[in-house]
């Protein structure tokens, strides 16, 4: 079932965490990839590619998050002074 746009990142983070746990639990298993079907092997390689691509936005996302926190802080401070 596709993720709804309002919870897409939250849902995907949970699924990606499960995939990462599976990978970490099986990394020393020499048959890990061999036991997967081709679709799963393609999927794990696509996840790797997407993770690298996603990581390129880390500094920009951190700046946006910092700005959001600063904006919210100003809003809260303004609200408290009323």
Protein backbone atom coordinates (compact mmCIF):
# COMPACT_ATOMS: atom_id res chain seq x y z
CA UNK A 1 0.00 0.00 0.00
CA UNK A 2 1.51 3.38 -0.96
CA UNK A 3 2.24 5.93 1.74
CA UNK A 4 -0.04 8.92 1.95
CA UNK A 5 1.80 12.18 1.29
CA UNK A 6 1.22 13.45 4.85
CA UNK A 7 3.04 10.47 6.39
CA UNK A 8 5.30 9.34 3.52
CA UNK A 9 8.60 10.14 5.23
CA UNK A 10 7.52 8.72 8.59
CA UNK A 11 6.33 5.46 7.02
CA UNK A 12 9.35 5.15 4.75
CA UNK A 13 11.75 5.75 7.66
CA UNK A 14 10.18 2.83 9.52
CA UNK A 15 10.42 0.54 6.50
CA UNK A 16 13.98 1.61 5.75
CA UNK A 17 14.94 0.96 9.37
CA UNK A 18 13.55 -2.58 9.08
CA UNK A 19 15.56 -3.11 5.88
CA UNK A 20 18.72 -1.80 7.53
CA UNK A 21 18.20 -4.08 10.54
CA UNK A 22 17.80 -7.06 8.20
CA UNK A 23 20.97 -6.09 6.36
CA UNK A 24 22.98 -5.64 9.57
CA UNK A 25 21.73 -8.95 10.96
CA UNK A 26 22.81 -10.81 7.82
CA UNK A 27 25.90 -9.01 6.62
CA UNK A 28 28.20 -11.84 7.74
CA UNK A 29 26.03 -14.46 6.04
CA UNK A 30 27.74 -15.35 2.73
CA UNK A 31 24.40 -16.61 1.35
CA UNK A 32 22.46 -13.44 2.22
CA UNK A 33 22.24 -12.13 -1.35
CA UNK A 34 22.26 -15.60 -2.89
CA UNK A 35 19.11 -16.52 -0.92
CA UNK A 36 17.22 -13.50 -2.27
CA UNK A 37 15.32 -13.56 -5.53
CA UNK A 38 16.43 -11.16 -8.26
CA UNK A 39 13.73 -8.63 -7.39
CA UNK A 40 15.03 -8.39 -3.82
CA UNK A 41 18.64 -8.11 -4.97
CA UNK A 42 17.64 -5.33 -7.37
CA UNK A 43 15.69 -3.68 -4.56
CA UNK A 44 18.59 -3.67 -2.12
CA UNK A 45 20.88 -2.13 -4.74
CA UNK A 46 18.25 0.50 -5.57
CA UNK A 47 17.90 1.31 -1.86
CA UNK A 48 21.64 1.81 -1.68
CA UNK A 49 21.58 4.16 -4.66
CA UNK A 50 18.63 6.11 -3.24
CA UNK A 51 20.25 6.38 0.19
CA UNK A 52 23.38 7.90 -1.37
CA UNK A 53 21.24 10.32 -3.32
CA UNK A 54 19.17 11.22 -0.27
CA UNK A 55 22.33 11.81 1.80
CA UNK A 56 23.39 14.55 -0.62
CA UNK A 57 20.63 16.73 0.86
CA UNK A 58 21.73 16.36 4.49
CA UNK A 59 23.28 19.81 4.92
CA UNK A 60 20.39 21.55 3.15
CA UNK A 61 17.83 19.68 5.27
CA UNK A 62 19.78 20.55 8.43
CA UNK A 63 19.74 24.25 7.49
CA UNK A 64 15.99 24.10 6.82
CA UNK A 65 15.44 22.31 10.14
CA UNK A 66 17.53 24.93 11.98
CA UNK A 67 15.51 27.70 10.34
CA UNK A 68 12.25 26.01 11.27
CA UNK A 69 13.37 25.68 14.89
CA UNK A 70 14.45 29.34 14.95
CA UNK A 71 11.13 30.44 13.44
CA UNK A 72 9.18 28.36 15.96
CA UNK A 73 11.31 29.73 18.80
CA UNK A 74 10.50 33.29 17.74
CA UNK A 75 6.81 32.38 17.54
CA UNK A 76 6.83 30.87 21.04
CA UNK A 77 8.77 33.84 22.47
CA UNK A 78 6.29 36.25 20.88
CA UNK A 79 3.38 34.27 22.25
CA UNK A 80 4.81 34.23 25.77
CA UNK A 81 5.26 38.02 25.84
CA UNK A 82 1.57 38.69 25.08
